[in-house]
Amino acid sequence: MDKLIAWQDFEKIEFALGTILSANTFPEARKSAYILTIDFGEEIGLKKSSAQITDLYTPNDLVGKQILAVINFPPKQIGPIISECLVTGFYGKDGAVVLATADKPLPNGSKLG
């Protein structure tokens, strides 16, 4: 393993669970993507993200799905939108992304511990 990090580095990353409220195609993106609006609960609020997850998911598949995201990266301009969080997932053999989710429903804003 050549990419070891210190425990203190990991502790800086804030992972939270949120529910996707809307998923819209992002025609301006260089690679096929959706613009997601995600509800992270009262304390964190709503955040937008650009996510390249079109291989396995349609917008209808995504609305209502709880996902795990990094919520403390600085906002990043991606075309006409500002991405405010990083949606997480796993790459399959074909390169398609499978979203990281909780296997049971939890309150929006729940933190990874």
C-alpha atoms as a PDB file:
ATOM      1  CA  MET A   1       0.000   0.000   0.000  1.00  0.00           C
ATOM      2  CA  ASP A   2       1.760   3.127  -1.198  1.00  0.00           C
ATOM      3  CA  LYS A   3      -0.830   5.789  -0.391  1.00  0.00           C
ATOM      4  CA  LEU A   4      -0.837   5.750   3.407  1.00  0.00           C
ATOM      5  CA  ILE A   5      -2.227   8.812   5.145  1.00  0.00           C
ATOM      6  CA  ALA A   6      -2.120   9.884   8.753  1.00  0.00           C
ATOM      7  CA  TRP A   7      -5.232   9.307  10.881  1.00  0.00           C
ATOM      8  CA  GLN A   8      -5.415  13.083  11.368  1.00  0.00           C
ATOM      9  CA  ASP A   9      -5.799  13.508   7.589  1.00  0.00           C
ATOM     10  CA  PHE A  10      -8.774  11.133   7.518  1.00  0.00           C
ATOM     11  CA  GLU A  11     -10.391  12.936  10.455  1.00  0.00           C
ATOM     12  CA  LYS A  12     -10.467  16.154   8.388  1.00  0.00           C
ATOM     13  CA  ILE A  13     -12.846  14.618   5.838  1.00  0.00           C
ATOM     14  CA  GLU A  14     -16.537  15.085   6.621  1.00  0.00           C
ATOM     15  CA  PHE A  15     -18.748  12.370   5.132  1.00  0.00           C
ATOM     16  CA  ALA A  16     -22.506  12.822   5.438  1.00  0.00           C
ATOM     17  CA  LEU A  17     -25.591  10.983   4.245  1.00  0.00           C
ATOM     18  CA  GLY A  18     -28.034  12.932   2.110  1.00  0.00           C
ATOM     19  CA  THR A  19     -31.153  12.312   0.036  1.00  0.00           C
ATOM     20  CA  ILE A  20     -31.167  13.279  -3.635  1.00  0.00           C
ATOM     21  CA  LEU A  21     -34.066  15.678  -4.249  1.00  0.00           C
ATOM     22  CA  SER A  22     -33.468  16.251  -7.963  1.00  0.00           C
ATOM     23  CA  ALA A  23     -31.280  14.872 -10.731  1.00  0.00           C
ATOM     24  CA  ASN A  24     -31.052  16.719 -14.030  1.00  0.00           C
ATOM     25  CA  THR A  25     -28.971  16.083 -17.117  1.00  0.00           C
ATOM     26  CA  PHE A  26     -25.906  18.304 -17.422  1.00  0.00           C
ATOM     27  CA  PRO A  27     -25.494  18.933 -21.166  1.00  0.00           C
ATOM     28  CA  GLU A  28     -22.589  21.381 -20.667  1.00  0.00           C
ATOM     29  CA  ALA A  29     -20.424  18.758 -18.904  1.00  0.00           C
ATOM     30  CA  ARG A  30     -17.415  17.362 -20.807  1.00  0.00           C
ATOM     31  CA  LYS A  31     -18.320  13.830 -19.675  1.00  0.00           C
ATOM     32  CA  SER A  32     -21.900  12.637 -19.249  1.00  0.00           C
ATOM     33  CA  ALA A  33     -23.132  13.798 -15.833  1.00  0.00           C
ATOM     34  CA  TYR A  34     -26.105  14.846 -13.744  1.00  0.00           C
ATOM     35  CA  ILE A  35     -26.607  17.923 -11.597  1.00  0.00           C
ATOM     36  CA  LEU A  36     -27.858  16.698  -8.227  1.00  0.00           C
ATOM     37  CA  THR A  37     -29.553  18.653  -5.454  1.00  0.00           C
ATOM     38  CA  ILE A  38     -29.013  16.787  -2.189  1.00  0.00           C
ATOM     39  CA  ASP A  39     -30.696  17.341   1.187  1.00  0.00           C
ATOM     40  CA  PHE A  40     -28.226  16.872   4.060  1.00  0.00           C
ATOM     41  CA  GLY A  41     -30.686  17.831   6.786  1.00  0.00           C
ATOM     42  CA  GLU A  42     -31.317  20.963   8.781  1.00  0.00           C
ATOM     43  CA  GLU A  43     -27.763  21.509  10.082  1.00  0.00           C
ATOM     44  CA  ILE A  44     -25.986  21.164   6.698  1.00  0.00           C
ATOM     45  CA  GLY A  45     -28.792  22.076   4.302  1.00  0.00           C
ATOM     46  CA  LEU A  46     -29.078  21.584   0.546  1.00  0.00           C
ATOM     47  CA  LYS A  47     -25.987  21.149  -1.631  1.00  0.00           C
ATOM     48  CA  LYS A  48     -25.484  20.734  -5.373  1.00  0.00           C
ATOM     49  CA  SER A  49     -23.085  18.360  -7.047  1.00  0.00           C
ATOM     50  CA  SER A  50     -22.087  17.329 -10.541  1.00  0.00           C
ATOM     51  CA  ALA A  51     -21.858  13.539 -10.687  1.00  0.00           C
ATOM     52  CA  GLN A  52     -20.689  11.290 -13.526  1.00  0.00           C
ATOM     53  CA  ILE A  53     -23.070   8.452 -12.702  1.00  0.00           C
ATOM     54  CA  THR A  54     -25.096   8.230 -15.914  1.00  0.00           C
ATOM     55  CA  ASP A  55     -23.951   4.710 -16.874  1.00  0.00           C
ATOM     56  CA  LEU A  56     -26.025   2.944 -14.220  1.00  0.00           C
ATOM     57  CA  TYR A  57     -28.589   5.520 -13.076  1.00  0.00           C
ATOM     58  CA  THR A  58     -31.388   7.543 -14.630  1.00  0.00           C
ATOM     59  CA  PRO A  59     -32.685  10.727 -12.969  1.00  0.00           C
ATOM     60  CA  ASN A  60     -35.760   8.769 -11.819  1.00  0.00           C
ATOM     61  CA  ASP A  61     -33.513   6.123 -10.180  1.00  0.00           C
ATOM     62  CA  LEU A  62     -31.721   8.819  -8.209  1.00  0.00           C
ATOM     63  CA  VAL A  63     -34.527  10.924  -6.733  1.00  0.00           C
ATOM     64  CA  GLY A  64     -35.160   9.745  -3.167  1.00  0.00           C
ATOM     65  CA  LYS A  65     -31.917   7.741  -2.941  1.00  0.00           C
ATOM     66  CA  GLN A  66     -29.700   8.316   0.099  1.00  0.00           C
ATOM     67  CA  ILE A  67     -26.014   8.686  -0.794  1.00  0.00           C
ATOM     68  CA  LEU A  68     -22.733   9.292   0.997  1.00  0.00           C
ATOM     69  CA  ALA A  69     -20.859  12.488   0.116  1.00  0.00           C
ATOM     70  CA  VAL A  70     -17.860  14.524   1.243  1.00  0.00           C
ATOM     71  CA  ILE A  71     -19.306  17.832   2.383  1.00  0.00           C
ATOM     72  CA  ASN A  72     -16.233  19.856   3.359  1.00  0.00           C
ATOM     73  CA  PHE A  73     -14.331  20.240   0.085  1.00  0.00           C
ATOM     74  CA  PRO A  74     -14.269  23.839  -1.135  1.00  0.00           C
ATOM     75  CA  PRO A  75     -16.930  24.646  -3.740  1.00  0.00           C
ATOM     76  CA  LYS A  76     -15.740  23.960  -7.298  1.00  0.00           C
ATOM     77  CA  GLN A  77     -16.937  25.664 -10.472  1.00  0.00           C
ATOM     78  CA  ILE A  78     -17.933  23.009 -13.022  1.00  0.00           C
ATOM     79  CA  GLY A  79     -19.285  24.689 -16.119  1.00  0.00           C
ATOM     80  CA  PRO A  80     -22.298  26.802 -15.167  1.00  0.00           C
ATOM     81  CA  ILE A  81     -22.763  25.276 -11.684  1.00  0.00           C
ATOM     82  CA  ILE A  82     -20.832  25.309  -8.437  1.00  0.00           C
ATOM     83  CA  SER A  83     -20.389  21.803  -7.042  1.00  0.00           C
ATOM     84  CA  GLU A  84     -20.646  21.960  -3.249  1.00  0.00           C
ATOM     85  CA  CYS A  85     -20.010  18.332  -2.307  1.00  0.00           C
ATOM     86  CA  LEU A  86     -18.431  15.164  -3.699  1.00  0.00           C
ATOM     87  CA  VAL A  87     -20.773  12.232  -4.206  1.00  0.00           C
ATOM     88  CA  THR A  88     -18.919   8.979  -3.477  1.00  0.00           C
ATOM     89  CA  GLY A  89     -19.062   5.642  -5.222  1.00  0.00           C
ATOM     90  CA  PHE A  90     -17.123   2.623  -6.396  1.00  0.00           C
ATOM     91  CA  TYR A  91     -15.777   1.972  -9.898  1.00  0.00           C
ATOM     92  CA  GLY A  92     -16.881  -1.291 -11.468  1.00  0.00           C
ATOM     93  CA  LYS A  93     -14.698  -3.232 -13.912  1.00  0.00           C
ATOM     94  CA  ASP A  94     -16.294  -1.354 -16.803  1.00  0.00           C
ATOM     95  CA  GLY A  95     -15.613   2.034 -15.173  1.00  0.00           C
ATOM     96  CA  ALA A  96     -19.255   2.679 -14.250  1.00  0.00           C
ATOM     97  CA  VAL A  97     -19.774   4.197 -10.793  1.00  0.00           C
ATOM     98  CA  VAL A  98     -21.925   2.432  -8.190  1.00  0.00           C
ATOM     99  CA  LEU A  99     -23.037   4.923  -5.526  1.00  0.00           C
ATOM    100  CA  ALA A 100     -21.968   4.550  -1.893  1.00  0.00           C
ATOM    101  CA  THR A 101     -25.137   4.305   0.195  1.00  0.00           C
ATOM    102  CA  ALA A 102     -26.321   3.208   3.632  1.00  0.00           C
ATOM    103  CA  ASP A 103     -28.004  -0.189   3.759  1.00  0.00           C
ATOM    104  CA  LYS A 104     -30.709   1.171   6.100  1.00  0.00           C
ATOM    105  CA  PRO A 105     -32.450   4.584   6.051  1.00  0.00           C
ATOM    106  CA  LEU A 106     -30.891   7.178   8.355  1.00  0.00           C
ATOM    107  CA  PRO A 107     -31.583  10.867   9.011  1.00  0.00           C
ATOM    108  CA  ASN A 108     -30.129  13.214   6.402  1.00  0.00           C
ATOM    109  CA  GLY A 109     -26.873  14.680   7.678  1.00  0.00           C
ATOM    110  CA  SER A 110     -25.839  11.489   9.496  1.00  0.00           C
ATOM    111  CA  LYS A 111     -22.041  11.407   9.637  1.00  0.00           C
ATOM    112  CA  LEU A 112     -19.754   8.521   8.786  1.00  0.00           C
ATOM    113  CA  GLY A 113     -18.146   7.317  11.989  1.00  0.00           C
END
